[in-house]
């Protein structure tokens, strides 16, 4: 019977882990949303030259 006293604690721990998993799953989904960004082409070109980055996406991130 001593083992049974830990059951509620284990259930609470598992529920907490499920909650964390679900919150991260929803957060990840929000981060994958596309966003349109309007940037002056001349400004972007100079930024790419100065930074040495290859793509516009790299420059924005």
C-alpha atoms as a PDB file:
ATOM      1  CA  UNK A   1       0.000   0.000   0.000  1.00  0.00           C
ATOM      2  CA  UNK A   2       2.952   2.369   0.443  1.00  0.00           C
ATOM      3  CA  UNK A   3       3.377   2.576  -3.348  1.00  0.00           C
ATOM      4  CA  UNK A   4      -0.173   3.849  -3.834  1.00  0.00           C
ATOM      5  CA  UNK A   5       0.465   7.068  -1.928  1.00  0.00           C
ATOM      6  CA  UNK A   6       2.616   8.311  -4.823  1.00  0.00           C
ATOM      7  CA  UNK A   7      -0.048   7.776  -7.478  1.00  0.00           C
ATOM      8  CA  UNK A   8      -1.667  11.246  -7.146  1.00  0.00           C
ATOM      9  CA  UNK A   9       1.766  12.901  -7.322  1.00  0.00           C
ATOM     10  CA  UNK A  10       2.673  10.913 -10.422  1.00  0.00           C
ATOM     11  CA  UNK A  11      -0.640  11.790 -12.061  1.00  0.00           C
ATOM     12  CA  UNK A  12      -0.068  15.482 -11.321  1.00  0.00           C
ATOM     13  CA  UNK A  13       3.451  15.289 -12.745  1.00  0.00           C
ATOM     14  CA  UNK A  14       2.232  13.595 -15.917  1.00  0.00           C
ATOM     15  CA  UNK A  15      -0.510  16.187 -16.367  1.00  0.00           C
ATOM     16  CA  UNK A  16       2.065  18.963 -15.963  1.00  0.00           C
ATOM     17  CA  UNK A  17       4.275  17.368 -18.616  1.00  0.00           C
ATOM     18  CA  UNK A  18       1.310  17.075 -20.977  1.00  0.00           C
ATOM     19  CA  UNK A  19       0.462  20.743 -20.394  1.00  0.00           C
ATOM     20  CA  UNK A  20       4.051  21.781 -21.162  1.00  0.00           C
ATOM     21  CA  UNK A  21       4.080  19.650 -24.315  1.00  0.00           C
ATOM     22  CA  UNK A  22       0.797  21.131 -25.516  1.00  0.00           C
ATOM     23  CA  UNK A  23       1.895  24.713 -24.808  1.00  0.00           C
ATOM     24  CA  UNK A  24       5.145  24.213 -26.739  1.00  0.00           C
ATOM     25  CA  UNK A  25       3.251  22.631 -29.631  1.00  0.00           C
ATOM     26  CA  UNK A  26       1.003  25.687 -29.912  1.00  0.00           C
ATOM     27  CA  UNK A  27       3.923  28.082 -29.517  1.00  0.00           C
ATOM     28  CA  UNK A  28       5.813  26.343 -32.288  1.00  0.00           C
ATOM     29  CA  UNK A  29       2.814  26.642 -34.550  1.00  0.00           C
ATOM     30  CA  UNK A  30       2.670  30.409 -33.999  1.00  0.00           C
ATOM     31  CA  UNK A  31       6.354  30.797 -34.844  1.00  0.00           C
ATOM     32  CA  UNK A  32       5.880  29.149 -38.225  1.00  0.00           C
ATOM     33  CA  UNK A  33       3.406  31.743 -39.445  1.00  0.00           C
ATOM     34  CA  UNK A  34       4.581  33.698 -42.466  1.00  0.00           C
ATOM     35  CA  UNK A  35       4.864  37.467 -42.305  1.00  0.00           C
ATOM     36  CA  UNK A  36       5.245  39.814 -45.230  1.00  0.00           C
ATOM     37  CA  UNK A  37       7.865  42.503 -44.694  1.00  0.00           C
ATOM     38  CA  UNK A  38       8.224  45.526 -46.951  1.00  0.00           C
ATOM     39  CA  UNK A  39      11.798  46.828 -47.046  1.00  0.00           C
ATOM     40  CA  UNK A  40      13.345  49.275 -49.479  1.00  0.00           C
ATOM     41  CA  UNK A  41      15.326  47.310 -52.100  1.00  0.00           C
ATOM     42  CA  UNK A  42      18.342  49.647 -51.953  1.00  0.00           C
ATOM     43  CA  UNK A  43      18.461  49.354 -48.171  1.00  0.00           C
ATOM     44  CA  UNK A  44      18.237  45.573 -48.343  1.00  0.00           C
ATOM     45  CA  UNK A  45      20.975  45.410 -50.987  1.00  0.00           C
ATOM     46  CA  UNK A  46      23.342  47.514 -48.878  1.00  0.00           C
ATOM     47  CA  UNK A  47      22.529  45.447 -45.787  1.00  0.00           C
ATOM     48  CA  UNK A  48      23.366  42.219 -47.625  1.00  0.00           C
ATOM     49  CA  UNK A  49      26.685  43.678 -48.857  1.00  0.00           C
ATOM     50  CA  UNK A  50      27.705  44.989 -45.428  1.00  0.00           C
ATOM     51  CA  UNK A  51      26.635  41.940 -43.446  1.00  0.00           C
ATOM     52  CA  UNK A  52      27.894  39.340 -45.905  1.00  0.00           C
ATOM     53  CA  UNK A  53      24.592  37.499 -45.696  1.00  0.00           C
ATOM     54  CA  UNK A  54      23.357  35.755 -48.819  1.00  0.00           C
ATOM     55  CA  UNK A  55      19.578  36.000 -48.635  1.00  0.00           C
ATOM     56  CA  UNK A  56      16.927  38.501 -47.626  1.00  0.00           C
ATOM     57  CA  UNK A  57      15.501  35.956 -45.202  1.00  0.00           C
ATOM     58  CA  UNK A  58      18.853  35.706 -43.395  1.00  0.00           C
ATOM     59  CA  UNK A  59      19.051  39.489 -43.147  1.00  0.00           C
ATOM     60  CA  UNK A  60      15.581  39.763 -41.629  1.00  0.00           C
ATOM     61  CA  UNK A  61      16.032  36.928 -39.152  1.00  0.00           C
END
